[in-house]
């Protein structure tokens, strides 16, 4: 599953099937997440992320995660608190991990 920066201009990593991530926010058709292997927020298509590891349960309007609307790429980055962890359900290739900060 490809990971993108804030405005999805280019791919900056990927997730493995079953990799645990932390949900930061929902913005329309994308989720802002932090993969367990990284420390910075990334963006991924909401249709590929599940609330449960064994079956697909989307983060939709009934999930309790409010939709903050589409990202305004001209606005500065906002800091938001973390909400909860969940699992990726779509299988793809192994991605690169960000270097750990010391």
PDB file of N, CA and C in Angstrom:
ATOM      1  N   UNK A   1       0.843  -1.160   0.000  1.00  0.00           N
ATOM      2  CA  UNK A   1       0.000   0.000   0.000  1.00  0.00           C
ATOM      3  C   UNK A   1       0.898   1.236   0.000  1.00  0.00           C
ATOM      4  N   UNK A   2       0.770   2.095  -0.983  1.00  0.00           N
ATOM      5  CA  UNK A   2       1.619   3.284  -1.038  1.00  0.00           C
ATOM      6  C   UNK A   2       1.268   4.311   0.043  1.00  0.00           C
ATOM      7  N   UNK A   3       2.285   4.988   0.539  1.00  0.00           N
ATOM      8  CA  UNK A   3       2.135   6.088   1.494  1.00  0.00           C
ATOM      9  C   UNK A   3       2.526   7.376   0.800  1.00  0.00           C
ATOM     10  N   UNK A   4       1.841   8.445   1.144  1.00  0.00           N
ATOM     11  CA  UNK A   4       2.091   9.726   0.513  1.00  0.00           C
ATOM     12  C   UNK A   4       2.347  10.813   1.548  1.00  0.00           C
ATOM     13  N   UNK A   5       2.901  11.930   1.070  1.00  0.00           N
ATOM     14  CA  UNK A   5       3.007  13.121   1.885  1.00  0.00           C
ATOM     15  C   UNK A   5       1.654  13.812   1.936  1.00  0.00           C
ATOM     16  N   UNK A   6       1.594  14.924   2.566  1.00  0.00           N
ATOM     17  CA  UNK A   6       0.362  15.644   2.863  1.00  0.00           C
ATOM     18  C   UNK A   6      -0.556  15.868   1.658  1.00  0.00           C
ATOM     19  N   UNK A   7      -0.038  16.220   0.530  1.00  0.00           N
ATOM     20  CA  UNK A   7      -0.879  16.526  -0.632  1.00  0.00           C
ATOM     21  C   UNK A   7      -0.791  15.477  -1.734  1.00  0.00           C
ATOM     22  N   UNK A   8      -0.303  14.288  -1.401  1.00  0.00           N
ATOM     23  CA  UNK A   8      -0.227  13.154  -2.325  1.00  0.00           C
ATOM     24  C   UNK A   8       0.464  13.492  -3.635  1.00  0.00           C
ATOM     25  N   UNK A   9       1.507  14.315  -3.566  1.00  0.00           N
ATOM     26  CA  UNK A   9       2.221  14.672  -4.788  1.00  0.00           C
ATOM     27  C   UNK A   9       3.161  13.566  -5.250  1.00  0.00           C
ATOM     28  N   UNK A  10       3.703  12.780  -4.306  1.00  0.00           N
ATOM     29  CA  UNK A  10       4.552  11.657  -4.684  1.00  0.00           C
ATOM     30  C   UNK A  10       4.577  10.618  -3.553  1.00  0.00           C
ATOM     31  N   UNK A  11       4.824   9.374  -3.931  1.00  0.00           N
ATOM     32  CA  UNK A  11       4.879   8.291  -2.952  1.00  0.00           C
ATOM     33  C   UNK A  11       6.151   8.420  -2.117  1.00  0.00           C
ATOM     34  N   UNK A  12       6.018   8.270  -0.775  1.00  0.00           N
ATOM     35  CA  UNK A  12       7.181   8.394   0.108  1.00  0.00           C
ATOM     36  C   UNK A  12       7.413   7.148   0.953  1.00  0.00           C
ATOM     37  N   UNK A  13       6.736   6.075   0.638  1.00  0.00           N
ATOM     38  CA  UNK A  13       6.910   4.830   1.378  1.00  0.00           C
ATOM     39  C   UNK A  13       5.772   3.888   1.080  1.00  0.00           C
ATOM     40  N   UNK A  14       5.710   2.795   1.825  1.00  0.00           N
ATOM     41  CA  UNK A  14       4.622   1.840   1.660  1.00  0.00           C
ATOM     42  C   UNK A  14       4.401   1.084   2.957  1.00  0.00           C
ATOM     43  N   UNK A  15       3.266   0.403   3.040  1.00  0.00           N
ATOM     44  CA  UNK A  15       2.910  -0.411   4.195  1.00  0.00           C
ATOM     45  C   UNK A  15       2.780  -1.858   3.769  1.00  0.00           C
ATOM     46  N   UNK A  16       3.067  -2.749   4.695  1.00  0.00           N
ATOM     47  CA  UNK A  16       2.879  -4.176   4.470  1.00  0.00           C
ATOM     48  C   UNK A  16       1.493  -4.592   4.939  1.00  0.00           C
ATOM     49  N   UNK A  17       0.973  -5.644   4.379  1.00  0.00           N
ATOM     50  CA  UNK A  17      -0.294  -6.198   4.817  1.00  0.00           C
ATOM     51  C   UNK A  17      -0.199  -6.547   6.301  1.00  0.00           C
ATOM     52  N   UNK A  18      -1.175  -6.112   7.081  1.00  0.00           N
ATOM     53  CA  UNK A  18      -1.202  -6.411   8.506  1.00  0.00           C
ATOM     54  C   UNK A  18      -0.399  -5.474   9.378  1.00  0.00           C
ATOM     55  N   UNK A  19       0.314  -4.520   8.799  1.00  0.00           N
ATOM     56  CA  UNK A  19       1.117  -3.593   9.599  1.00  0.00           C
ATOM     57  C   UNK A  19       0.213  -2.691  10.429  1.00  0.00           C
ATOM     58  N   UNK A  20       0.524  -2.559  11.706  1.00  0.00           N
ATOM     59  CA  UNK A  20      -0.265  -1.721  12.604  1.00  0.00           C
ATOM     60  C   UNK A  20       0.129  -0.258  12.421  1.00  0.00           C
ATOM     61  N   UNK A  21      -0.881   0.606  12.421  1.00  0.00           N
ATOM     62  CA  UNK A  21      -0.667   2.038  12.271  1.00  0.00           C
ATOM     63  C   UNK A  21      -1.517   2.780  13.297  1.00  0.00           C
ATOM     64  N   UNK A  22      -1.201   4.057  13.521  1.00  0.00           N
ATOM     65  CA  UNK A  22      -1.986   4.918  14.396  1.00  0.00           C
ATOM     66  C   UNK A  22      -2.739   5.917  13.537  1.00  0.00           C
ATOM     67  N   UNK A  23      -4.034   6.019  13.756  1.00  0.00           N
ATOM     68  CA  UNK A  23      -4.847   6.962  13.009  1.00  0.00           C
ATOM     69  C   UNK A  23      -4.758   8.337  13.662  1.00  0.00           C
ATOM     70  N   UNK A  24      -4.437   9.351  12.861  1.00  0.00           N
ATOM     71  CA  UNK A  24      -4.349  10.721  13.349  1.00  0.00           C
ATOM     72  C   UNK A  24      -5.608  11.496  12.946  1.00  0.00           C
ATOM     73  N   UNK A  25      -6.064  11.341  11.696  1.00  0.00           N
ATOM     74  CA  UNK A  25      -7.244  12.068  11.215  1.00  0.00           C
ATOM     75  C   UNK A  25      -7.757  11.434   9.933  1.00  0.00           C
ATOM     76  N   UNK A  26      -8.996  11.769   9.588  1.00  0.00           N
ATOM     77  CA  UNK A  26      -9.587  11.374   8.307  1.00  0.00           C
ATOM     78  C   UNK A  26      -9.847  12.654   7.534  1.00  0.00           C
ATOM     79  N   UNK A  27      -9.402  12.686   6.281  1.00  0.00           N
ATOM     80  CA  UNK A  27      -9.572  13.846   5.404  1.00  0.00           C
ATOM     81  C   UNK A  27     -10.174  13.377   4.088  1.00  0.00           C
ATOM     82  N   UNK A  28     -11.500  13.327   4.024  1.00  0.00           N
ATOM     83  CA  UNK A  28     -12.156  12.882   2.801  1.00  0.00           C
ATOM     84  C   UNK A  28     -11.819  11.435   2.509  1.00  0.00           C
ATOM     85  N   UNK A  29     -11.212  11.190   1.347  1.00  0.00           N
ATOM     86  CA  UNK A  29     -10.907   9.818   0.933  1.00  0.00           C
ATOM     87  C   UNK A  29      -9.510   9.353   1.349  1.00  0.00           C
ATOM     88  N   UNK A  30      -8.832  10.111   2.222  1.00  0.00           N
ATOM     89  CA  UNK A  30      -7.520   9.698   2.728  1.00  0.00           C
ATOM     90  C   UNK A  30      -7.505   9.703   4.256  1.00  0.00           C
ATOM     91  N   UNK A  31      -6.651   8.857   4.814  1.00  0.00           N
ATOM     92  CA  UNK A  31      -6.434   8.831   6.255  1.00  0.00           C
ATOM     93  C   UNK A  31      -5.024   9.308   6.543  1.00  0.00           C
ATOM     94  N   UNK A  32      -4.883  10.107   7.575  1.00  0.00           N
ATOM     95  CA  UNK A  32      -3.561  10.542   8.043  1.00  0.00           C
ATOM     96  C   UNK A  32      -3.167   9.552   9.134  1.00  0.00           C
ATOM     97  N   UNK A  33      -2.074   8.843   8.920  1.00  0.00           N
ATOM     98  CA  UNK A  33      -1.645   7.777   9.817  1.00  0.00           C
ATOM     99  C   UNK A  33      -0.180   7.938  10.205  1.00  0.00           C
ATOM    100  N   UNK A  34       0.215   7.217  11.235  1.00  0.00           N
ATOM    101  CA  UNK A  34       1.631   7.068  11.562  1.00  0.00           C
ATOM    102  C   UNK A  34       1.905   5.567  11.624  1.00  0.00           C
ATOM    103  N   UNK A  35       2.670   5.038  10.676  1.00  0.00           N
ATOM    104  CA  UNK A  35       3.024   3.614  10.709  1.00  0.00           C
ATOM    105  C   UNK A  35       3.866   3.297  11.941  1.00  0.00           C
ATOM    106  N   UNK A  36       3.767   2.074  12.435  1.00  0.00           N
ATOM    107  CA  UNK A  36       4.545   1.663  13.607  1.00  0.00           C
ATOM    108  C   UNK A  36       6.043   1.796  13.358  1.00  0.00           C
ATOM    109  N   UNK A  37       6.459   1.669  12.102  1.00  0.00           N
ATOM    110  CA  UNK A  37       7.877   1.715  11.757  1.00  0.00           C
ATOM    111  C   UNK A  37       8.396   3.135  11.537  1.00  0.00           C
ATOM    112  N   UNK A  38       7.537   4.148  11.661  1.00  0.00           N
ATOM    113  CA  UNK A  38       7.932   5.529  11.405  1.00  0.00           C
ATOM    114  C   UNK A  38       7.449   6.437  12.524  1.00  0.00           C
ATOM    115  N   UNK A  39       7.870   7.692  12.478  1.00  0.00           N
ATOM    116  CA  UNK A  39       7.453   8.662  13.491  1.00  0.00           C
ATOM    117  C   UNK A  39       6.678   9.832  12.906  1.00  0.00           C
ATOM    118  N   UNK A  40       6.697   9.989  11.608  1.00  0.00           N
ATOM    119  CA  UNK A  40       6.037  11.122  10.959  1.00  0.00           C
ATOM    120  C   UNK A  40       4.712  10.694  10.338  1.00  0.00           C
ATOM    121  N   UNK A  41       3.727  11.594  10.304  1.00  0.00           N
ATOM    122  CA  UNK A  41       2.449  11.273   9.660  1.00  0.00           C
ATOM    123  C   UNK A  41       2.616  11.027   8.159  1.00  0.00           C
ATOM    124  N   UNK A  42       1.833  10.098   7.670  1.00  0.00           N
ATOM    125  CA  UNK A  42       1.775   9.770   6.245  1.00  0.00           C
ATOM    126  C   UNK A  42       0.301   9.718   5.862  1.00  0.00           C
ATOM    127  N   UNK A  43       0.023   9.692   4.573  1.00  0.00           N
ATOM    128  CA  UNK A  43      -1.345   9.645   4.082  1.00  0.00           C
ATOM    129  C   UNK A  43      -1.530   8.410   3.217  1.00  0.00           C
ATOM    130  N   UNK A  44      -2.720   7.779   3.343  1.00  0.00           N
ATOM    131  CA  UNK A  44      -3.021   6.559   2.616  1.00  0.00           C
ATOM    132  C   UNK A  44      -4.501   6.584   2.250  1.00  0.00           C
ATOM    133  N   UNK A  45      -4.862   5.923   1.140  1.00  0.00           N
ATOM    134  CA  UNK A  45      -6.259   5.854   0.736  1.00  0.00           C
ATOM    135  C   UNK A  45      -7.084   5.172   1.817  1.00  0.00           C
ATOM    136  N   UNK A  46      -8.197   5.781   2.197  1.00  0.00           N
ATOM    137  CA  UNK A  46      -9.050   5.253   3.260  1.00  0.00           C
ATOM    138  C   UNK A  46      -9.647   3.896   2.906  1.00  0.00           C
ATOM    139  N   UNK A  47      -9.816   3.601   1.635  1.00  0.00           N
ATOM    140  CA  UNK A  47     -10.426   2.339   1.208  1.00  0.00           C
ATOM    141  C   UNK A  47      -9.525   1.132   1.439  1.00  0.00           C
ATOM    142  N   UNK A  48      -8.280   1.342   1.833  1.00  0.00           N
ATOM    143  CA  UNK A  48      -7.351   0.235   2.047  1.00  0.00           C
ATOM    144  C   UNK A  48      -7.072  -0.037   3.516  1.00  0.00           C
ATOM    145  N   UNK A  49      -7.726   0.695   4.416  1.00  0.00           N
ATOM    146  CA  UNK A  49      -7.439   0.590   5.841  1.00  0.00           C
ATOM    147  C   UNK A  49      -8.666   0.047   6.564  1.00  0.00           C
ATOM    148  N   UNK A  50      -8.433  -0.862   7.493  1.00  0.00           N
ATOM    149  CA  UNK A  50      -9.521  -1.497   8.229  1.00  0.00           C
ATOM    150  C   UNK A  50      -9.390  -1.249   9.731  1.00  0.00           C
ATOM    151  N   UNK A  51     -10.547  -1.184  10.417  1.00  0.00           N
ATOM    152  CA  UNK A  51     -10.558  -1.082  11.871  1.00  0.00           C
ATOM    153  C   UNK A  51     -10.233  -2.426  12.523  1.00  0.00           C
ATOM    154  N   UNK A  52     -10.416  -3.515  11.779  1.00  0.00           N
ATOM    155  CA  UNK A  52     -10.169  -4.855  12.299  1.00  0.00           C
ATOM    156  C   UNK A  52      -9.172  -5.584  11.410  1.00  0.00           C
ATOM    157  N   UNK A  53      -8.292  -6.402  12.011  1.00  0.00           N
ATOM    158  CA  UNK A  53      -7.270  -7.078  11.214  1.00  0.00           C
ATOM    159  C   UNK A  53      -7.783  -8.271  10.412  1.00  0.00           C
ATOM    160  N   UNK A  54      -8.913  -8.861  10.801  1.00  0.00           N
ATOM    161  CA  UNK A  54      -9.372 -10.089  10.151  1.00  0.00           C
ATOM    162  C   UNK A  54     -10.475  -9.890   9.119  1.00  0.00           C
ATOM    163  N   UNK A  55     -11.074  -8.695   9.044  1.00  0.00           N
ATOM    164  CA  UNK A  55     -12.067  -8.382   8.014  1.00  0.00           C
ATOM    165  C   UNK A  55     -12.073  -6.878   7.787  1.00  0.00           C
ATOM    166  N   UNK A  56     -12.532  -6.468   6.594  1.00  0.00           N
ATOM    167  CA  UNK A  56     -12.508  -5.055   6.262  1.00  0.00           C
ATOM    168  C   UNK A  56     -13.667  -4.321   6.921  1.00  0.00           C
ATOM    169  N   UNK A  57     -13.330  -3.368   7.792  1.00  0.00           N
ATOM    170  CA  UNK A  57     -14.291  -2.469   8.432  1.00  0.00           C
ATOM    171  C   UNK A  57     -13.736  -1.060   8.220  1.00  0.00           C
ATOM    172  N   UNK A  58     -14.338  -0.298   7.308  1.00  0.00           N
ATOM    173  CA  UNK A  58     -13.768   1.011   6.949  1.00  0.00           C
ATOM    174  C   UNK A  58     -13.921   2.052   8.048  1.00  0.00           C
ATOM    175  N   UNK A  59     -13.090   3.070   7.974  1.00  0.00           N
ATOM    176  CA  UNK A  59     -13.229   4.260   8.806  1.00  0.00           C
ATOM    177  C   UNK A  59     -14.115   5.233   8.028  1.00  0.00           C
ATOM    178  N   UNK A  60     -15.435   5.010   8.124  1.00  0.00           N
ATOM    179  CA  UNK A  60     -16.387   5.858   7.409  1.00  0.00           C
ATOM    180  C   UNK A  60     -17.100   6.778   8.392  1.00  0.00           C
ATOM    181  N   UNK A  61     -18.221   7.354   7.995  1.00  0.00           N
ATOM    182  CA  UNK A  61     -18.953   8.283   8.861  1.00  0.00           C
ATOM    183  C   UNK A  61     -19.443   7.631  10.144  1.00  0.00           C
ATOM    184  N   UNK A  62     -19.668   6.314  10.132  1.00  0.00           N
ATOM    185  CA  UNK A  62     -20.147   5.594  11.315  1.00  0.00           C
ATOM    186  C   UNK A  62     -19.016   5.119  12.224  1.00  0.00           C
ATOM    187  N   UNK A  63     -17.776   5.389  11.879  1.00  0.00           N
ATOM    188  CA  UNK A  63     -16.630   4.868  12.636  1.00  0.00           C
ATOM    189  C   UNK A  63     -16.309   5.674  13.888  1.00  0.00           C
ATOM    190  N   UNK A  64     -16.868   6.859  14.015  1.00  0.00           N
ATOM    191  CA  UNK A  64     -16.551   7.709  15.156  1.00  0.00           C
ATOM    192  C   UNK A  64     -15.357   8.612  14.916  1.00  0.00           C
ATOM    193  N   UNK A  65     -14.699   8.456  13.770  1.00  0.00           N
ATOM    194  CA  UNK A  65     -13.580   9.328  13.404  1.00  0.00           C
ATOM    195  C   UNK A  65     -14.136  10.410  12.490  1.00  0.00           C
ATOM    196  N   UNK A  66     -14.171  11.649  12.952  1.00  0.00           N
ATOM    197  CA  UNK A  66     -14.772  12.706  12.128  1.00  0.00           C
ATOM    198  C   UNK A  66     -13.978  12.979  10.855  1.00  0.00           C
ATOM    199  N   UNK A  67     -14.714  13.282   9.800  1.00  0.00           N
ATOM    200  CA  UNK A  67     -14.088  13.647   8.533  1.00  0.00           C
ATOM    201  C   UNK A  67     -13.780  15.139   8.583  1.00  0.00           C
ATOM    202  N   UNK A  68     -12.507  15.488   8.504  1.00  0.00           N
ATOM    203  CA  UNK A  68     -12.089  16.890   8.575  1.00  0.00           C
ATOM    204  C   UNK A  68     -12.108  17.559   7.208  1.00  0.00           C
ATOM    205  N   UNK A  69     -12.605  16.863   6.206  1.00  0.00           N
ATOM    206  CA  UNK A  69     -12.710  17.431   4.868  1.00  0.00           C
ATOM    207  C   UNK A  69     -11.397  17.330   4.112  1.00  0.00           C
ATOM    208  N   UNK A  70     -11.433  17.663   2.835  1.00  0.00           N
ATOM    209  CA  UNK A  70     -10.226  17.593   2.008  1.00  0.00           C
ATOM    210  C   UNK A  70      -9.104  18.478   2.563  1.00  0.00           C
ATOM    211  N   UNK A  71      -7.879  18.068   2.305  1.00  0.00           N
ATOM    212  CA  UNK A  71      -6.706  18.809   2.762  1.00  0.00           C
ATOM    213  C   UNK A  71      -6.504  20.036   1.884  1.00  0.00           C
ATOM    214  N   UNK A  72      -6.296  21.179   2.510  1.00  0.00           N
ATOM    215  CA  UNK A  72      -5.974  22.409   1.794  1.00  0.00           C
ATOM    216  C   UNK A  72      -4.444  22.474   1.684  1.00  0.00           C
ATOM    217  N   UNK A  73      -3.932  22.149   0.518  1.00  0.00           N
ATOM    218  CA  UNK A  73      -2.481  22.085   0.331  1.00  0.00           C
ATOM    219  C   UNK A  73      -1.794  23.445   0.429  1.00  0.00           C
ATOM    220  N   UNK A  74      -2.565  24.535   0.386  1.00  0.00           N
ATOM    221  CA  UNK A  74      -1.959  25.857   0.512  1.00  0.00           C
ATOM    222  C   UNK A  74      -1.840  26.293   1.979  1.00  0.00           C
ATOM    223  N   UNK A  75      -2.501  25.572   2.889  1.00  0.00           N
ATOM    224  CA  UNK A  75      -2.482  25.932   4.314  1.00  0.00           C
ATOM    225  C   UNK A  75      -1.297  25.271   5.020  1.00  0.00           C
ATOM    226  N   UNK A  76      -0.809  25.872   6.132  1.00  0.00           N
ATOM    227  CA  UNK A  76       0.273  25.241   6.902  1.00  0.00           C
ATOM    228  C   UNK A  76      -0.210  23.956   7.577  1.00  0.00           C
ATOM    229  N   UNK A  77       0.730  23.093   7.921  1.00  0.00           N
ATOM    230  CA  UNK A  77       0.429  21.809   8.555  1.00  0.00           C
ATOM    231  C   UNK A  77      -0.097  22.040   9.974  1.00  0.00           C
ATOM    232  N   UNK A  78      -1.206  21.333  10.331  1.00  0.00           N
ATOM    233  CA  UNK A  78      -1.761  21.410  11.683  1.00  0.00           C
ATOM    234  C   UNK A  78      -1.313  20.205  12.496  1.00  0.00           C
ATOM    235  N   UNK A  79      -1.123  20.383  13.795  1.00  0.00           N
ATOM    236  CA  UNK A  79      -0.808  19.291  14.706  1.00  0.00           C
ATOM    237  C   UNK A  79      -2.108  18.833  15.352  1.00  0.00           C
ATOM    238  N   UNK A  80      -2.377  17.522  15.346  1.00  0.00           N
ATOM    239  CA  UNK A  80      -3.584  16.957  15.952  1.00  0.00           C
ATOM    240  C   UNK A  80      -3.193  15.797  16.861  1.00  0.00           C
ATOM    241  N   UNK A  81      -3.996  15.541  17.906  1.00  0.00           N
ATOM    242  CA  UNK A  81      -3.697  14.409  18.787  1.00  0.00           C
ATOM    243  C   UNK A  81      -3.975  13.077  18.089  1.00  0.00           C
ATOM    244  N   UNK A  82      -3.303  12.032  18.525  1.00  0.00           N
ATOM    245  CA  UNK A  82      -3.522  10.698  17.987  1.00  0.00           C
ATOM    246  C   UNK A  82      -4.856  10.167  18.483  1.00  0.00           C
ATOM    247  N   UNK A  83      -5.514   9.337  17.678  1.00  0.00           N
ATOM    248  CA  UNK A  83      -6.824   8.833  18.029  1.00  0.00           C
ATOM    249  C   UNK A  83      -6.777   7.388  18.474  1.00  0.00           C
ATOM    250  N   UNK A  84      -6.321   6.474  17.645  1.00  0.00           N
ATOM    251  CA  UNK A  84      -6.304   5.060  17.966  1.00  0.00           C
ATOM    252  C   UNK A  84      -5.449   4.297  16.975  1.00  0.00           C
ATOM    253  N   UNK A  85      -5.114   3.060  17.302  1.00  0.00           N
ATOM    254  CA  UNK A  85      -4.365   2.211  16.382  1.00  0.00           C
ATOM    255  C   UNK A  85      -5.300   1.309  15.605  1.00  0.00           C
ATOM    256  N   UNK A  86      -4.892   0.872  14.440  1.00  0.00           N
ATOM    257  CA  UNK A  86      -5.676  -0.057  13.634  1.00  0.00           C
ATOM    258  C   UNK A  86      -4.771  -0.763  12.648  1.00  0.00           C
ATOM    259  N   UNK A  87      -5.319  -1.681  11.909  1.00  0.00           N
ATOM    260  CA  UNK A  87      -4.536  -2.527  11.030  1.00  0.00           C
ATOM    261  C   UNK A  87      -4.805  -2.227   9.559  1.00  0.00           C
ATOM    262  N   UNK A  88      -3.781  -2.412   8.745  1.00  0.00           N
ATOM    263  CA  UNK A  88      -3.895  -2.291   7.297  1.00  0.00           C
ATOM    264  C   UNK A  88      -4.345  -3.638   6.759  1.00  0.00           C
ATOM    265  N   UNK A  89      -5.289  -3.622   5.818  1.00  0.00           N
ATOM    266  CA  UNK A  89      -5.804  -4.894   5.325  1.00  0.00           C
ATOM    267  C   UNK A  89      -5.377  -5.219   3.897  1.00  0.00           C
ATOM    268  N   UNK A  90      -4.869  -4.268   3.157  1.00  0.00           N
ATOM    269  CA  UNK A  90      -4.524  -4.502   1.758  1.00  0.00           C
ATOM    270  C   UNK A  90      -3.071  -4.954   1.618  1.00  0.00           C
ATOM    271  N   UNK A  91      -2.829  -6.133   1.017  1.00  0.00           N
ATOM    272  CA  UNK A  91      -1.450  -6.615   0.856  1.00  0.00           C
ATOM    273  C   UNK A  91      -0.735  -5.939  -0.306  1.00  0.00           C
ATOM    274  N   UNK A  92       0.519  -5.569  -0.073  1.00  0.00           N
ATOM    275  CA  UNK A  92       1.398  -5.047  -1.126  1.00  0.00           C
ATOM    276  C   UNK A  92       2.838  -5.334  -0.751  1.00  0.00           C
ATOM    277  N   UNK A  93       3.750  -4.761  -1.492  1.00  0.00           N
ATOM    278  CA  UNK A  93       5.169  -5.000  -1.271  1.00  0.00           C
ATOM    279  C   UNK A  93       5.664  -4.362   0.021  1.00  0.00           C
ATOM    280  N   UNK A  94       6.810  -4.852   0.503  1.00  0.00           N
ATOM    281  CA  UNK A  94       7.451  -4.285   1.671  1.00  0.00           C
ATOM    282  C   UNK A  94       7.938  -2.888   1.348  1.00  0.00           C
ATOM    283  N   UNK A  95       7.734  -1.956   2.284  1.00  0.00           N
ATOM    284  CA  UNK A  95       8.141  -0.567   2.072  1.00  0.00           C
ATOM    285  C   UNK A  95       9.392  -0.223   2.850  1.00  0.00           C
ATOM    286  N   UNK A  96       9.889   0.978   2.618  1.00  0.00           N
ATOM    287  CA  UNK A  96      11.053   1.479   3.338  1.00  0.00           C
ATOM    288  C   UNK A  96      10.611   2.016   4.678  1.00  0.00           C
ATOM    289  N   UNK A  97      11.448   1.877   5.681  1.00  0.00           N
ATOM    290  CA  UNK A  97      11.176   2.466   6.998  1.00  0.00           C
ATOM    291  C   UNK A  97      11.973   3.758   7.113  1.00  0.00           C
ATOM    292  N   UNK A  98      11.391   4.722   7.798  1.00  0.00           N
ATOM    293  CA  UNK A  98      12.119   5.952   8.062  1.00  0.00           C
ATOM    294  C   UNK A  98      13.209   5.662   9.086  1.00  0.00           C
ATOM    295  N   UNK A  99      14.301   6.347   8.985  1.00  0.00           N
ATOM    296  CA  UNK A  99      15.388   6.162   9.940  1.00  0.00           C
ATOM    297  C   UNK A  99      14.927   6.632  11.317  1.00  0.00           C
ATOM    298  N   UNK A 100      15.254   5.853  12.327  1.00  0.00           N
ATOM    299  CA  UNK A 100      14.845   6.202  13.703  1.00  0.00           C
ATOM    300  C   UNK A 100      15.670   7.371  14.196  1.00  0.00           C
ATOM    301  N   UNK A 101      14.994   8.304  14.848  1.00  0.00           N
ATOM    302  CA  UNK A 101      15.700   9.438  15.434  1.00  0.00           C
ATOM    303  C   UNK A 101      16.285   9.015  16.772  1.00  0.00           C
ATOM    304  N   UNK A 102      17.431   9.541  17.088  1.00  0.00           N
ATOM    305  CA  UNK A 102      18.049   9.140  18.356  1.00  0.00           C
ATOM    306  C   UNK A 102      17.737  10.106  19.455  1.00  0.00           C
TER     307      UNK A 102
END
